[in-house]
Amino acid sequence: MKVGIDVIEIERVRRALRRVGFRDRCFTTAEQAYCDSRPHPAQSYAARFAGKEAVGKALGCGVRFTWREVEIVGRPRPGVRLSGRTAAFAERVAAGAIDLSLTHSREIAAAVCVVSPRG
């Protein structure tokens, strides 16, 4: 079993959202639709950003993955959908189930990911 955790300031993500290309580089169309539908989109974007970081850490590939290859799906309980090189990496390291928990306050977003061994 492997664990990854990440914490990020929501204001940092709020500033990044103002930059051209950040949304499209880091989030899938479905993630953007969900976050933009929320009352405070920056909080949702920050939680998903932390989630992607936590998944990368738990898998052991860190930030070598492409952001859009780790998609946070599902409501109310978040799930993870991997694609591309990240999915191939998960296959190589025999990653099994991926469990993810996201949370945020007004200022901080955090995520914890647990990856079970395949078996």
N, C-alpha and C. Protein backbone atom coordinates (compact mmCIF):
# COMPACT_ATOMS: atom_id res chain seq x y z
N MET A 1 0.84 -1.17 0.00
CA MET A 1 0.00 0.00 0.00
C MET A 1 0.89 1.24 0.00
N LYS A 2 0.52 2.20 -0.84
CA LYS A 2 1.28 3.45 -0.91
C LYS A 2 0.34 4.62 -0.67
N VAL A 3 0.88 5.66 -0.03
CA VAL A 3 0.08 6.83 0.34
C VAL A 3 0.72 8.09 -0.23
N GLY A 4 -0.12 8.98 -0.71
CA GLY A 4 0.33 10.30 -1.16
C GLY A 4 -0.56 11.36 -0.54
N ILE A 5 0.02 12.49 -0.21
CA ILE A 5 -0.74 13.58 0.39
C ILE A 5 -0.28 14.89 -0.23
N ASP A 6 -1.19 15.85 -0.34
CA ASP A 6 -0.81 17.16 -0.84
C ASP A 6 -1.72 18.22 -0.21
N VAL A 7 -1.15 19.39 0.01
CA VAL A 7 -1.87 20.54 0.56
C VAL A 7 -1.50 21.74 -0.30
N ILE A 8 -2.48 22.58 -0.62
CA ILE A 8 -2.21 23.76 -1.44
C ILE A 8 -3.09 24.93 -0.99
N GLU A 9 -2.54 26.13 -1.10
CA GLU A 9 -3.31 27.33 -0.77
C GLU A 9 -4.27 27.62 -1.92
N ILE A 10 -5.53 27.84 -1.59
CA ILE A 10 -6.53 28.11 -2.61
C ILE A 10 -6.21 29.39 -3.37
N GLU A 11 -5.66 30.39 -2.71
CA GLU A 11 -5.32 31.65 -3.38
C GLU A 11 -4.30 31.42 -4.49
N ARG A 12 -3.38 30.51 -4.27
CA ARG A 12 -2.37 30.20 -5.30
C ARG A 12 -3.05 29.66 -6.56
N VAL A 13 -4.03 28.78 -6.37
CA VAL A 13 -4.76 28.23 -7.52
C VAL A 13 -5.64 29.32 -8.14
N ARG A 14 -6.24 30.16 -7.33
CA ARG A 14 -7.07 31.26 -7.85
C ARG A 14 -6.24 32.15 -8.78
N ARG A 15 -5.01 32.45 -8.38
CA ARG A 15 -4.13 33.26 -9.25
C ARG A 15 -3.77 32.50 -10.52
N ALA A 16 -3.50 31.20 -10.39
CA ALA A 16 -3.15 30.39 -11.57
C ALA A 16 -4.31 30.31 -12.56
N LEU A 17 -5.53 30.31 -12.05
CA LEU A 17 -6.69 30.24 -12.93
C LEU A 17 -6.81 31.47 -13.83
N ARG A 18 -6.19 32.56 -13.44
CA ARG A 18 -6.21 33.78 -14.26
C ARG A 18 -5.22 33.70 -15.42
N ARG A 19 -4.28 32.77 -15.35
CA ARG A 19 -3.28 32.63 -16.40
C ARG A 19 -3.87 31.86 -17.59
N VAL A 20 -3.56 32.34 -18.77
CA VAL A 20 -4.03 31.69 -19.99
C VAL A 20 -3.46 30.28 -20.06
N GLY A 21 -4.32 29.31 -20.29
CA GLY A 21 -3.88 27.94 -20.51
C GLY A 21 -3.82 27.05 -19.29
N PHE A 22 -3.86 27.62 -18.08
CA PHE A 22 -3.72 26.79 -16.88
C PHE A 22 -4.84 25.75 -16.79
N ARG A 23 -6.09 26.18 -16.95
CA ARG A 23 -7.23 25.25 -16.86
C ARG A 23 -7.09 24.10 -17.86
N ASP A 24 -6.84 24.46 -19.10
CA ASP A 24 -6.78 23.43 -20.14
C ASP A 24 -5.57 22.53 -20.00
N ARG A 25 -4.48 23.03 -19.45
CA ARG A 25 -3.28 22.21 -19.26
C ARG A 25 -3.45 21.22 -18.11
N CYS A 26 -4.18 21.62 -17.07
CA CYS A 26 -4.23 20.82 -15.84
C CYS A 26 -5.53 20.04 -15.61
N PHE A 27 -6.62 20.45 -16.26
CA PHE A 27 -7.92 19.86 -15.95
C PHE A 27 -8.65 19.44 -17.21
N THR A 28 -9.33 18.30 -17.13
CA THR A 28 -10.12 17.83 -18.27
C THR A 28 -11.37 18.70 -18.40
N THR A 29 -12.04 18.56 -19.52
CA THR A 29 -13.27 19.31 -19.77
C THR A 29 -14.31 19.01 -18.68
N ALA A 30 -14.43 17.74 -18.30
CA ALA A 30 -15.40 17.36 -17.26
C ALA A 30 -15.03 17.97 -15.92
N GLU A 31 -13.76 17.98 -15.57
CA GLU A 31 -13.33 18.61 -14.31
C GLU A 31 -13.63 20.10 -14.32
N GLN A 32 -13.36 20.75 -15.43
CA GLN A 32 -13.64 22.18 -15.54
C GLN A 32 -15.13 22.46 -15.39
N ALA A 33 -15.96 21.64 -16.05
CA ALA A 33 -17.41 21.83 -15.96
C ALA A 33 -17.88 21.71 -14.51
N TYR A 34 -17.37 20.70 -13.81
CA TYR A 34 -17.76 20.52 -12.41
C TYR A 34 -17.31 21.71 -11.56
N CYS A 35 -16.03 22.04 -11.64
CA CYS A 35 -15.50 23.12 -10.80
C CYS A 35 -16.19 24.45 -11.08
N ASP A 36 -16.41 24.74 -12.36
CA ASP A 36 -17.04 26.00 -12.73
C ASP A 36 -18.51 26.07 -12.31
N SER A 37 -19.12 24.91 -12.02
CA SER A 37 -20.52 24.89 -11.59
C SER A 37 -20.67 25.13 -10.08
N ARG A 38 -19.57 25.10 -9.35
CA ARG A 38 -19.60 25.23 -7.90
C ARG A 38 -19.67 26.70 -7.49
N PRO A 39 -20.19 26.99 -6.30
CA PRO A 39 -20.28 28.39 -5.84
C PRO A 39 -18.92 29.08 -5.73
N HIS A 40 -17.88 28.34 -5.36
CA HIS A 40 -16.52 28.88 -5.21
C HIS A 40 -15.57 27.99 -6.03
N PRO A 41 -15.51 28.22 -7.35
CA PRO A 41 -14.73 27.33 -8.23
C PRO A 41 -13.28 27.13 -7.81
N ALA A 42 -12.61 28.15 -7.32
CA ALA A 42 -11.19 28.01 -6.97
C ALA A 42 -10.99 26.94 -5.91
N GLN A 43 -11.92 26.80 -4.98
CA GLN A 43 -11.80 25.77 -3.95
C GLN A 43 -11.83 24.37 -4.58
N SER A 44 -12.75 24.18 -5.53
CA SER A 44 -12.86 22.88 -6.19
C SER A 44 -11.66 22.59 -7.07
N TYR A 45 -11.20 23.61 -7.81
CA TYR A 45 -9.99 23.42 -8.61
C TYR A 45 -8.80 23.08 -7.72
N ALA A 46 -8.66 23.77 -6.60
CA ALA A 46 -7.53 23.53 -5.71
C ALA A 46 -7.58 22.11 -5.14
N ALA A 47 -8.76 21.66 -4.74
CA ALA A 47 -8.88 20.31 -4.19
C ALA A 47 -8.49 19.28 -5.25
N ARG A 48 -8.93 19.48 -6.49
CA ARG A 48 -8.57 18.55 -7.56
C ARG A 48 -7.09 18.61 -7.90
N PHE A 49 -6.52 19.79 -7.86
CA PHE A 49 -5.08 19.93 -8.10
C PHE A 49 -4.31 19.14 -7.03
N ALA A 50 -4.70 19.32 -5.77
CA ALA A 50 -4.08 18.57 -4.67
C ALA A 50 -4.29 17.08 -4.86
N GLY A 51 -5.48 16.71 -5.33
CA GLY A 51 -5.76 15.30 -5.58
C GLY A 51 -4.84 14.70 -6.62
N LYS A 52 -4.61 15.43 -7.69
CA LYS A 52 -3.71 14.95 -8.75
C LYS A 52 -2.29 14.79 -8.21
N GLU A 53 -1.84 15.74 -7.41
CA GLU A 53 -0.51 15.64 -6.79
C GLU A 53 -0.44 14.43 -5.87
N ALA A 54 -1.46 14.22 -5.06
CA ALA A 54 -1.47 13.09 -4.12
C ALA A 54 -1.45 11.77 -4.87
N VAL A 55 -2.19 11.67 -5.98
CA VAL A 55 -2.19 10.45 -6.78
C VAL A 55 -0.80 10.20 -7.35
N GLY A 56 -0.18 11.23 -7.90
CA GLY A 56 1.18 11.07 -8.44
C GLY A 56 2.16 10.60 -7.40
N LYS A 57 2.05 11.14 -6.20
CA LYS A 57 2.95 10.73 -5.11
C LYS A 57 2.69 9.29 -4.70
N ALA A 58 1.41 8.91 -4.59
CA ALA A 58 1.09 7.54 -4.16
C ALA A 58 1.51 6.52 -5.22
N LEU A 59 1.37 6.87 -6.49
CA LEU A 59 1.79 5.96 -7.55
C LEU A 59 3.31 5.85 -7.62
N GLY A 60 3.99 6.92 -7.21
CA GLY A 60 5.45 6.93 -7.27
C GLY A 60 5.99 7.59 -8.52
N CYS A 61 5.12 8.22 -9.29
CA CYS A 61 5.60 8.91 -10.50
C CYS A 61 5.71 10.41 -10.28
N GLY A 62 5.27 10.89 -9.14
CA GLY A 62 5.40 12.30 -8.82
C GLY A 62 4.79 13.18 -9.88
N VAL A 63 5.49 14.25 -10.24
CA VAL A 63 4.95 15.19 -11.21
C VAL A 63 5.39 14.86 -12.64
N ARG A 64 5.87 13.66 -12.86
CA ARG A 64 6.24 13.27 -14.22
C ARG A 64 5.01 13.00 -15.08
N PHE A 65 3.85 12.87 -14.46
CA PHE A 65 2.64 12.60 -15.22
C PHE A 65 2.14 13.88 -15.90
N THR A 66 1.27 13.67 -16.87
CA THR A 66 0.58 14.79 -17.49
C THR A 66 -0.67 15.05 -16.67
N TRP A 67 -0.89 16.29 -16.29
CA TRP A 67 -1.99 16.64 -15.39
C TRP A 67 -3.33 16.07 -15.83
N ARG A 68 -3.62 16.13 -17.11
CA ARG A 68 -4.92 15.68 -17.60
C ARG A 68 -5.03 14.16 -17.64
N GLU A 69 -3.93 13.45 -17.43
CA GLU A 69 -3.97 11.99 -17.39
C GLU A 69 -4.42 11.45 -16.03
N VAL A 70 -4.52 12.31 -15.05
CA VAL A 70 -5.08 11.96 -13.74
C VAL A 70 -6.36 12.78 -13.63
N GLU A 71 -7.50 12.12 -13.84
CA GLU A 71 -8.78 12.82 -13.82
C GLU A 71 -9.54 12.45 -12.55
N ILE A 72 -10.00 13.48 -11.84
CA ILE A 72 -10.80 13.27 -10.64
C ILE A 72 -12.26 13.20 -11.08
N VAL A 73 -12.90 12.08 -10.84
CA VAL A 73 -14.27 11.84 -11.30
C VAL A 73 -15.16 11.48 -10.12
N GLY A 74 -16.47 11.58 -10.33
CA GLY A 74 -17.43 11.10 -9.36
C GLY A 74 -17.85 12.12 -8.33
N ARG A 75 -19.07 11.95 -7.89
CA ARG A 75 -19.65 12.77 -6.83
C ARG A 75 -20.58 11.88 -6.05
N PRO A 76 -20.73 11.97 -4.79
CA PRO A 76 -20.00 12.87 -3.91
C PRO A 76 -18.62 12.34 -3.54
N ARG A 77 -18.39 11.06 -3.73
CA ARG A 77 -17.08 10.47 -3.39
C ARG A 77 -16.18 10.53 -4.62
N PRO A 78 -15.02 11.17 -4.50
CA PRO A 78 -14.17 11.29 -5.68
C PRO A 78 -13.50 9.97 -6.05
N GLY A 79 -13.38 9.75 -7.33
CA GLY A 79 -12.64 8.61 -7.84
C GLY A 79 -11.55 9.12 -8.77
N VAL A 80 -10.76 8.21 -9.30
CA VAL A 80 -9.63 8.58 -10.16
C VAL A 80 -9.70 7.76 -11.43
N ARG A 81 -9.54 8.45 -12.56
CA ARG A 81 -9.43 7.79 -13.85
C ARG A 81 -8.07 8.16 -14.44
N LEU A 82 -7.27 7.14 -14.72
CA LEU A 82 -5.94 7.36 -15.30
C LEU A 82 -5.98 7.08 -16.80
N SER A 83 -5.13 7.79 -17.54
CA SER A 83 -5.02 7.56 -18.97
C SER A 83 -3.57 7.79 -19.40
N GLY A 84 -3.29 7.47 -20.65
CA GLY A 84 -1.98 7.76 -21.24
C GLY A 84 -0.81 7.12 -20.51
N ARG A 85 0.27 7.89 -20.45
CA ARG A 85 1.51 7.40 -19.81
C ARG A 85 1.32 7.12 -18.33
N THR A 86 0.43 7.87 -17.68
CA THR A 86 0.20 7.65 -16.25
C THR A 86 -0.47 6.30 -16.02
N ALA A 87 -1.43 5.95 -16.87
CA ALA A 87 -2.08 4.63 -16.76
C ALA A 87 -1.06 3.53 -17.03
N ALA A 88 -0.20 3.74 -18.01
CA ALA A 88 0.84 2.75 -18.32
C ALA A 88 1.81 2.60 -17.14
N PHE A 89 2.17 3.70 -16.51
CA PHE A 89 3.05 3.65 -15.34
C PHE A 89 2.38 2.86 -14.21
N ALA A 90 1.10 3.14 -13.96
CA ALA A 90 0.36 2.43 -12.90
C ALA A 90 0.32 0.94 -13.18
N GLU A 91 0.18 0.58 -14.43
CA GLU A 91 0.19 -0.83 -14.82
C GLU A 91 1.56 -1.46 -14.53
N ARG A 92 2.63 -0.75 -14.90
CA ARG A 92 4.00 -1.27 -14.68
C ARG A 92 4.30 -1.49 -13.20
N VAL A 93 3.79 -0.62 -12.33
CA VAL A 93 4.09 -0.76 -10.90
C VAL A 93 3.03 -1.58 -10.18
N ALA A 94 2.14 -2.21 -10.94
CA ALA A 94 1.10 -3.10 -10.40
C ALA A 94 0.20 -2.40 -9.39
N ALA A 95 -0.20 -1.17 -9.73
CA ALA A 95 -1.12 -0.42 -8.87
C ALA A 95 -2.51 -1.04 -8.97
N GLY A 96 -3.13 -1.19 -7.82
CA GLY A 96 -4.50 -1.69 -7.78
C GLY A 96 -5.47 -0.54 -7.58
N ALA A 97 -6.39 -0.72 -6.65
CA ALA A 97 -7.41 0.29 -6.38
C ALA A 97 -6.78 1.60 -5.91
N ILE A 98 -7.36 2.70 -6.37
CA ILE A 98 -6.90 4.03 -5.96
C ILE A 98 -8.04 4.70 -5.20
N ASP A 99 -7.81 4.98 -3.93
CA ASP A 99 -8.79 5.68 -3.10
C ASP A 99 -8.29 7.09 -2.86
N LEU A 100 -9.22 8.04 -2.95
CA LEU A 100 -8.86 9.45 -2.84
C LEU A 100 -9.84 10.17 -1.94
N SER A 101 -9.32 11.03 -1.10
CA SER A 101 -10.14 11.89 -0.26
C SER A 101 -9.69 13.33 -0.48
N LEU A 102 -10.66 14.22 -0.74
CA LEU A 102 -10.39 15.64 -0.96
C LEU A 102 -11.10 16.45 0.11
N THR A 103 -10.49 17.57 0.49
CA THR A 103 -11.14 18.48 1.42
C THR A 103 -10.63 19.88 1.19
N HIS A 104 -11.39 20.86 1.65
CA HIS A 104 -10.92 22.25 1.58
C HIS A 104 -11.62 23.08 2.63
N SER A 105 -10.92 24.13 3.03
CA SER A 105 -11.50 25.16 3.89
C SER A 105 -11.59 26.40 3.01
N ARG A 106 -11.69 27.55 3.59
CA ARG A 106 -11.71 28.77 2.78
C ARG A 106 -10.34 29.10 2.21
N GLU A 107 -9.27 28.61 2.86
CA GLU A 107 -7.92 29.00 2.45
C GLU A 107 -7.04 27.87 1.96
N ILE A 108 -7.33 26.65 2.37
CA ILE A 108 -6.45 25.50 2.08
C ILE A 108 -7.27 24.35 1.48
N ALA A 109 -6.66 23.67 0.52
CA ALA A 109 -7.24 22.43 -0.01
C ALA A 109 -6.22 21.31 0.23
N ALA A 110 -6.73 20.12 0.47
CA ALA A 110 -5.84 18.98 0.76
C ALA A 110 -6.42 17.71 0.15
N ALA A 111 -5.53 16.75 -0.06
CA ALA A 111 -5.94 15.46 -0.59
C ALA A 111 -5.03 14.37 -0.03
N VAL A 112 -5.63 13.20 0.16
CA VAL A 112 -4.91 12.01 0.56
C VAL A 112 -5.29 10.91 -0.41
N CYS A 113 -4.29 10.19 -0.90
CA CYS A 113 -4.52 9.10 -1.84
C CYS A 113 -3.86 7.84 -1.30
N VAL A 114 -4.59 6.73 -1.42
CA VAL A 114 -4.05 5.42 -1.06
C VAL A 114 -4.16 4.53 -2.29
N VAL A 115 -3.02 3.95 -2.67
CA VAL A 115 -3.00 3.02 -3.80
C VAL A 115 -2.68 1.64 -3.26
N SER A 116 -3.60 0.72 -3.47
CA SER A 116 -3.40 -0.66 -3.04
C SER A 116 -2.64 -1.43 -4.10
N PRO A 117 -1.88 -2.42 -3.69
CA PRO A 117 -1.21 -3.26 -4.69
C PRO A 117 -2.23 -4.11 -5.44
N ARG A 118 -1.98 -4.35 -6.70
CA ARG A 118 -2.86 -5.22 -7.48
C ARG A 118 -2.70 -6.64 -6.95
N GLY A 119 -3.80 -7.32 -6.87
CA GLY A 119 -3.61 -8.67 -6.41
C GLY A 119 -4.82 -9.29 -6.01
